[in-house]
């Protein structure tokens, strides 16, 4: 399970893989965690820094895109 900045554990932490597409159920409210739903229907919280909004990437780009640290 993940841990918040105050040390409490997030019981509903989700596990995601690099490149996996997920739906945002609840935005980060300042605690560094975002609630997502995976394609298999499971949901939970992941660190907001693990997420990237693909709609911000130009669709015409054919170059590999570095998505940051994981």
PDB file of N, CA and C in Angstrom:
ATOM      1  N   UNK A   1       0.824  -1.206   0.000  1.00  0.00           N
ATOM      2  CA  UNK A   1       0.000   0.000   0.000  1.00  0.00           C
ATOM      3  C   UNK A   1       0.861   1.261   0.000  1.00  0.00           C
ATOM      4  N   UNK A   2       0.355   2.288  -0.587  1.00  0.00           N
ATOM      5  CA  UNK A   2       1.082   3.550  -0.638  1.00  0.00           C
ATOM      6  C   UNK A   2       0.996   4.293   0.678  1.00  0.00           C
ATOM      7  N   UNK A   3       1.838   5.286   0.822  1.00  0.00           N
ATOM      8  CA  UNK A   3       1.801   6.093   2.034  1.00  0.00           C
ATOM      9  C   UNK A   3       1.668   7.557   1.674  1.00  0.00           C
ATOM     10  N   UNK A   4       0.792   8.259   2.382  1.00  0.00           N
ATOM     11  CA  UNK A   4       0.625   9.686   2.188  1.00  0.00           C
ATOM     12  C   UNK A   4       1.743  10.454   2.876  1.00  0.00           C
ATOM     13  N   UNK A   5       1.770  11.749   2.657  1.00  0.00           N
ATOM     14  CA  UNK A   5       2.823  12.588   3.224  1.00  0.00           C
ATOM     15  C   UNK A   5       2.773  12.632   4.749  1.00  0.00           C
ATOM     16  N   UNK A   6       1.633  12.338   5.332  1.00  0.00           N
ATOM     17  CA  UNK A   6       1.521  12.346   6.790  1.00  0.00           C
ATOM     18  C   UNK A   6       1.811  10.977   7.390  1.00  0.00           C
ATOM     19  N   UNK A   7       2.222  10.018   6.550  1.00  0.00           N
ATOM     20  CA  UNK A   7       2.607   8.703   7.042  1.00  0.00           C
ATOM     21  C   UNK A   7       1.491   7.683   7.076  1.00  0.00           C
ATOM     22  N   UNK A   8       0.253   8.105   6.824  1.00  0.00           N
ATOM     23  CA  UNK A   8      -0.832   7.139   6.844  1.00  0.00           C
ATOM     24  C   UNK A   8      -0.799   6.293   5.567  1.00  0.00           C
ATOM     25  N   UNK A   9      -1.206   5.047   5.692  1.00  0.00           N
ATOM     26  CA  UNK A   9      -1.199   4.166   4.523  1.00  0.00           C
ATOM     27  C   UNK A   9      -2.500   4.302   3.757  1.00  0.00           C
ATOM     28  N   UNK A  10      -2.368   4.250   2.428  1.00  0.00           N
ATOM     29  CA  UNK A  10      -3.549   4.236   1.578  1.00  0.00           C
ATOM     30  C   UNK A  10      -3.914   2.779   1.340  1.00  0.00           C
ATOM     31  N   UNK A  11      -5.023   2.351   1.918  1.00  0.00           N
ATOM     32  CA  UNK A  11      -5.440   0.966   1.806  1.00  0.00           C
ATOM     33  C   UNK A  11      -5.822   0.648   0.365  1.00  0.00           C
ATOM     34  N   UNK A  12      -6.356   1.618  -0.344  1.00  0.00           N
ATOM     35  CA  UNK A  12      -6.835   1.405  -1.704  1.00  0.00           C
ATOM     36  C   UNK A  12      -5.812   1.780  -2.762  1.00  0.00           C
ATOM     37  N   UNK A  13      -4.520   1.591  -2.479  1.00  0.00           N
ATOM     38  CA  UNK A  13      -3.488   1.911  -3.469  1.00  0.00           C
ATOM     39  C   UNK A  13      -3.577   0.918  -4.619  1.00  0.00           C
ATOM     40  N   UNK A  14      -3.453   1.425  -5.845  1.00  0.00           N
ATOM     41  CA  UNK A  14      -3.522   0.582  -7.033  1.00  0.00           C
ATOM     42  C   UNK A  14      -2.126   0.396  -7.611  1.00  0.00           C
ATOM     43  N   UNK A  15      -1.948  -0.674  -8.338  1.00  0.00           N
ATOM     44  CA  UNK A  15      -0.691  -0.952  -9.007  1.00  0.00           C
ATOM     45  C   UNK A  15      -0.889  -0.742 -10.505  1.00  0.00           C
ATOM     46  N   UNK A  16      -0.041   0.100 -11.107  1.00  0.00           N
ATOM     47  CA  UNK A  16      -0.137   0.338 -12.543  1.00  0.00           C
ATOM     48  C   UNK A  16       1.222   0.098 -13.188  1.00  0.00           C
ATOM     49  N   UNK A  17       1.197  -0.167 -14.485  1.00  0.00           N
ATOM     50  CA  UNK A  17       2.417  -0.414 -15.246  1.00  0.00           C
ATOM     51  C   UNK A  17       2.725   0.780 -16.138  1.00  0.00           C
ATOM     52  N   UNK A  18       3.985   0.916 -16.511  1.00  0.00           N
ATOM     53  CA  UNK A  18       4.393   1.978 -17.421  1.00  0.00           C
ATOM     54  C   UNK A  18       3.632   1.808 -18.735  1.00  0.00           C
ATOM     55  N   UNK A  19       3.020   2.878 -19.221  1.00  0.00           N
ATOM     56  CA  UNK A  19       2.294   2.845 -20.487  1.00  0.00           C
ATOM     57  C   UNK A  19       0.852   2.400 -20.368  1.00  0.00           C
ATOM     58  N   UNK A  20       0.430   2.000 -19.192  1.00  0.00           N
ATOM     59  CA  UNK A  20      -0.956   1.562 -19.000  1.00  0.00           C
ATOM     60  C   UNK A  20      -1.894   2.762 -19.020  1.00  0.00           C
ATOM     61  N   UNK A  21      -3.008   2.628 -19.732  1.00  0.00           N
ATOM     62  CA  UNK A  21      -4.003   3.705 -19.789  1.00  0.00           C
ATOM     63  C   UNK A  21      -5.026   3.488 -18.674  1.00  0.00           C
ATOM     64  N   UNK A  22      -5.333   4.548 -17.962  1.00  0.00           N
ATOM     65  CA  UNK A  22      -6.299   4.479 -16.872  1.00  0.00           C
ATOM     66  C   UNK A  22      -7.241   5.670 -16.965  1.00  0.00           C
ATOM     67  N   UNK A  23      -8.393   5.548 -16.330  1.00  0.00           N
ATOM     68  CA  UNK A  23      -9.356   6.647 -16.241  1.00  0.00           C
ATOM     69  C   UNK A  23      -9.193   7.323 -14.885  1.00  0.00           C
ATOM     70  N   UNK A  24      -9.254   8.647 -14.889  1.00  0.00           N
ATOM     71  CA  UNK A  24      -9.158   9.412 -13.650  1.00  0.00           C
ATOM     72  C   UNK A  24     -10.549   9.481 -13.025  1.00  0.00           C
ATOM     73  N   UNK A  25     -10.683   8.959 -11.813  1.00  0.00           N
ATOM     74  CA  UNK A  25     -11.954   9.020 -11.098  1.00  0.00           C
ATOM     75  C   UNK A  25     -12.009  10.214 -10.158  1.00  0.00           C
ATOM     76  N   UNK A  26     -10.855  10.573  -9.594  1.00  0.00           N
ATOM     77  CA  UNK A  26     -10.804  11.672  -8.631  1.00  0.00           C
ATOM     78  C   UNK A  26      -9.432  12.326  -8.718  1.00  0.00           C
ATOM     79  N   UNK A  27      -9.408  13.611  -8.979  1.00  0.00           N
ATOM     80  CA  UNK A  27      -8.149  14.339  -9.108  1.00  0.00           C
ATOM     81  C   UNK A  27      -7.427  14.453  -7.775  1.00  0.00           C
ATOM     82  N   UNK A  28      -6.142  14.736  -7.860  1.00  0.00           N
ATOM     83  CA  UNK A  28      -5.302  14.987  -6.693  1.00  0.00           C
ATOM     84  C   UNK A  28      -5.862  16.200  -5.947  1.00  0.00           C
ATOM     85  N   UNK A  29      -6.105  16.038  -4.652  1.00  0.00           N
ATOM     86  CA  UNK A  29      -6.612  17.138  -3.830  1.00  0.00           C
ATOM     87  C   UNK A  29      -5.504  17.749  -2.980  1.00  0.00           C
ATOM     88  N   UNK A  30      -4.273  17.664  -3.482  1.00  0.00           N
ATOM     89  CA  UNK A  30      -3.155  18.264  -2.773  1.00  0.00           C
ATOM     90  C   UNK A  30      -2.366  17.289  -1.918  1.00  0.00           C
ATOM     91  N   UNK A  31      -2.805  16.030  -1.865  1.00  0.00           N
ATOM     92  CA  UNK A  31      -2.089  15.046  -1.054  1.00  0.00           C
ATOM     93  C   UNK A  31      -1.125  14.199  -1.878  1.00  0.00           C
ATOM     94  N   UNK A  32      -1.070  14.453  -3.213  1.00  0.00           N
ATOM     95  CA  UNK A  32      -0.140  13.716  -4.063  1.00  0.00           C
ATOM     96  C   UNK A  32      -0.680  12.409  -4.607  1.00  0.00           C
ATOM     97  N   UNK A  33      -1.974  12.128  -4.401  1.00  0.00           N
ATOM     98  CA  UNK A  33      -2.580  10.877  -4.854  1.00  0.00           C
ATOM     99  C   UNK A  33      -3.788  11.166  -5.737  1.00  0.00           C
ATOM    100  N   UNK A  34      -3.965  10.345  -6.768  1.00  0.00           N
ATOM    101  CA  UNK A  34      -5.085  10.457  -7.695  1.00  0.00           C
ATOM    102  C   UNK A  34      -5.803   9.113  -7.747  1.00  0.00           C
ATOM    103  N   UNK A  35      -7.130   9.127  -7.710  1.00  0.00           N
ATOM    104  CA  UNK A  35      -7.907   7.883  -7.786  1.00  0.00           C
ATOM    105  C   UNK A  35      -8.148   7.550  -9.255  1.00  0.00           C
ATOM    106  N   UNK A  36      -7.787   6.326  -9.626  1.00  0.00           N
ATOM    107  CA  UNK A  36      -7.904   5.903 -11.027  1.00  0.00           C
ATOM    108  C   UNK A  36      -8.715   4.614 -11.126  1.00  0.00           C
ATOM    109  N   UNK A  37      -9.156   4.333 -12.364  1.00  0.00           N
ATOM    110  CA  UNK A  37      -9.792   3.047 -12.642  1.00  0.00           C
ATOM    111  C   UNK A  37      -9.055   2.417 -13.806  1.00  0.00           C
ATOM    112  N   UNK A  38      -8.677   1.153 -13.647  1.00  0.00           N
ATOM    113  CA  UNK A  38      -7.949   0.431 -14.673  1.00  0.00           C
ATOM    114  C   UNK A  38      -8.919  -0.199 -15.668  1.00  0.00           C
ATOM    115  N   UNK A  39      -8.396  -0.667 -16.792  1.00  0.00           N
ATOM    116  CA  UNK A  39      -9.234  -1.258 -17.835  1.00  0.00           C
ATOM    117  C   UNK A  39      -9.933  -2.534 -17.369  1.00  0.00           C
ATOM    118  N   UNK A  40      -9.389  -3.198 -16.328  1.00  0.00           N
ATOM    119  CA  UNK A  40     -10.035  -4.411 -15.816  1.00  0.00           C
ATOM    120  C   UNK A  40     -11.163  -4.110 -14.831  1.00  0.00           C
ATOM    121  N   UNK A  41     -11.415  -2.800 -14.591  1.00  0.00           N
ATOM    122  CA  UNK A  41     -12.498  -2.390 -13.717  1.00  0.00           C
ATOM    123  C   UNK A  41     -12.080  -2.116 -12.290  1.00  0.00           C
ATOM    124  N   UNK A  42     -10.854  -2.509 -11.915  1.00  0.00           N
ATOM    125  CA  UNK A  42     -10.389  -2.240 -10.559  1.00  0.00           C
ATOM    126  C   UNK A  42     -10.024  -0.766 -10.420  1.00  0.00           C
ATOM    127  N   UNK A  43     -10.087  -0.259  -9.209  1.00  0.00           N
ATOM    128  CA  UNK A  43      -9.769   1.141  -8.981  1.00  0.00           C
ATOM    129  C   UNK A  43      -8.963   1.278  -7.705  1.00  0.00           C
ATOM    130  N   UNK A  44      -8.326   2.424  -7.559  1.00  0.00           N
ATOM    131  CA  UNK A  44      -7.539   2.703  -6.372  1.00  0.00           C
ATOM    132  C   UNK A  44      -6.758   3.983  -6.555  1.00  0.00           C
ATOM    133  N   UNK A  45      -5.892   4.262  -5.601  1.00  0.00           N
ATOM    134  CA  UNK A  45      -5.113   5.490  -5.627  1.00  0.00           C
ATOM    135  C   UNK A  45      -3.686   5.205  -6.086  1.00  0.00           C
ATOM    136  N   UNK A  46      -3.123   6.110  -6.893  1.00  0.00           N
ATOM    137  CA  UNK A  46      -1.732   6.038  -7.327  1.00  0.00           C
ATOM    138  C   UNK A  46      -1.100   7.409  -7.117  1.00  0.00           C
ATOM    139  N   UNK A  47       0.225   7.451  -6.935  1.00  0.00           N
ATOM    140  CA  UNK A  47       0.884   8.757  -6.825  1.00  0.00           C
ATOM    141  C   UNK A  47       0.634   9.587  -8.084  1.00  0.00           C
ATOM    142  N   UNK A  48       0.228  10.817  -7.921  1.00  0.00           N
ATOM    143  CA  UNK A  48      -0.100  11.677  -9.061  1.00  0.00           C
ATOM    144  C   UNK A  48       1.089  11.847  -9.995  1.00  0.00           C
ATOM    145  N   UNK A  49       2.298  11.781  -9.455  1.00  0.00           N
ATOM    146  CA  UNK A  49       3.495  11.953 -10.279  1.00  0.00           C
ATOM    147  C   UNK A  49       3.696  10.786 -11.247  1.00  0.00           C
ATOM    148  N   UNK A  50       2.994   9.671 -11.058  1.00  0.00           N
ATOM    149  CA  UNK A  50       3.105   8.518 -11.951  1.00  0.00           C
ATOM    150  C   UNK A  50       2.253   8.682 -13.199  1.00  0.00           C
ATOM    151  N   UNK A  51       1.369   9.672 -13.196  1.00  0.00           N
ATOM    152  CA  UNK A  51       0.408   9.822 -14.285  1.00  0.00           C
ATOM    153  C   UNK A  51       0.850  10.880 -15.288  1.00  0.00           C
ATOM    154  N   UNK A  52       0.488  10.654 -16.535  1.00  0.00           N
ATOM    155  CA  UNK A  52       0.766  11.607 -17.600  1.00  0.00           C
ATOM    156  C   UNK A  52      -0.495  11.721 -18.451  1.00  0.00           C
ATOM    157  N   UNK A  53      -0.853  12.934 -18.807  1.00  0.00           N
ATOM    158  CA  UNK A  53      -2.031  13.169 -19.626  1.00  0.00           C
ATOM    159  C   UNK A  53      -1.636  13.086 -21.092  1.00  0.00           C
ATOM    160  N   UNK A  54      -2.008  11.991 -21.765  1.00  0.00           N
ATOM    161  CA  UNK A  54      -1.626  11.796 -23.160  1.00  0.00           C
ATOM    162  C   UNK A  54      -2.288  12.786 -24.105  1.00  0.00           C
ATOM    163  N   UNK A  55      -3.347  13.462 -23.676  1.00  0.00           N
ATOM    164  CA  UNK A  55      -3.995  14.431 -24.561  1.00  0.00           C
ATOM    165  C   UNK A  55      -3.108  15.654 -24.771  1.00  0.00           C
ATOM    166  N   UNK A  56      -2.068  15.809 -23.948  1.00  0.00           N
ATOM    167  CA  UNK A  56      -1.151  16.939 -24.103  1.00  0.00           C
ATOM    168  C   UNK A  56      -0.051  16.646 -25.125  1.00  0.00           C
ATOM    169  N   UNK A  57       0.021  15.402 -25.599  1.00  0.00           N
ATOM    170  CA  UNK A  57       1.056  15.014 -26.558  1.00  0.00           C
ATOM    171  C   UNK A  57       0.524  15.220 -27.973  1.00  0.00           C
ATOM    172  N   UNK A  58       1.259  15.928 -28.819  1.00  0.00           N
ATOM    173  CA  UNK A  58       0.801  16.132 -30.191  1.00  0.00           C
ATOM    174  C   UNK A  58       0.614  14.797 -30.911  1.00  0.00           C
ATOM    175  N   UNK A  59      -0.531  14.567 -31.544  1.00  0.00           N
ATOM    176  CA  UNK A  59      -0.798  13.287 -32.194  1.00  0.00           C
ATOM    177  C   UNK A  59       0.067  13.034 -33.422  1.00  0.00           C
ATOM    178  N   UNK A  60       0.673  14.065 -33.986  1.00  0.00           N
ATOM    179  CA  UNK A  60       1.471  13.884 -35.196  1.00  0.00           C
ATOM    180  C   UNK A  60       2.912  13.487 -34.891  1.00  0.00           C
ATOM    181  N   UNK A  61       3.286  13.452 -33.621  1.00  0.00           N
ATOM    182  CA  UNK A  61       4.662  13.138 -33.246  1.00  0.00           C
ATOM    183  C   UNK A  61       4.963  11.669 -33.496  1.00  0.00           C
ATOM    184  N   UNK A  62       6.059  11.403 -34.222  1.00  0.00           N
ATOM    185  CA  UNK A  62       6.465  10.016 -34.456  1.00  0.00           C
ATOM    186  C   UNK A  62       7.710   9.667 -33.652  1.00  0.00           C
ATOM    187  N   UNK A  63       8.217  10.629 -32.904  1.00  0.00           N
ATOM    188  CA  UNK A  63       9.403  10.392 -32.078  1.00  0.00           C
ATOM    189  C   UNK A  63       8.987   9.740 -30.763  1.00  0.00           C
ATOM    190  N   UNK A  64       9.854   8.865 -30.241  1.00  0.00           N
ATOM    191  CA  UNK A  64       9.556   8.293 -28.921  1.00  0.00           C
ATOM    192  C   UNK A  64       9.493   9.401 -27.889  1.00  0.00           C
ATOM    193  N   UNK A  65       8.594   9.281 -26.952  1.00  0.00           N
ATOM    194  CA  UNK A  65       8.393  10.327 -25.949  1.00  0.00           C
ATOM    195  C   UNK A  65       8.874   9.829 -24.593  1.00  0.00           C
ATOM    196  N   UNK A  66       9.733  10.586 -23.982  1.00  0.00           N
ATOM    197  CA  UNK A  66      10.177  10.262 -22.633  1.00  0.00           C
ATOM    198  C   UNK A  66       9.070  10.680 -21.671  1.00  0.00           C
ATOM    199  N   UNK A  67       8.632   9.777 -20.842  1.00  0.00           N
ATOM    200  CA  UNK A  67       7.492  10.079 -19.990  1.00  0.00           C
ATOM    201  C   UNK A  67       7.872  10.376 -18.556  1.00  0.00           C
ATOM    202  N   UNK A  68       9.150  10.555 -18.290  1.00  0.00           N
ATOM    203  CA  UNK A  68       9.554  10.927 -16.948  1.00  0.00           C
ATOM    204  C   UNK A  68      10.003   9.728 -16.145  1.00  0.00           C
ATOM    205  N   UNK A  69      10.155   9.921 -14.854  1.00  0.00           N
ATOM    206  CA  UNK A  69      10.670   8.883 -13.963  1.00  0.00           C
ATOM    207  C   UNK A  69       9.540   8.013 -13.437  1.00  0.00           C
ATOM    208  N   UNK A  70       9.812   6.732 -13.337  1.00  0.00           N
ATOM    209  CA  UNK A  70       8.828   5.781 -12.780  1.00  0.00           C
ATOM    210  C   UNK A  70       9.487   4.982 -11.690  1.00  0.00           C
TER     211      UNK A  70
END
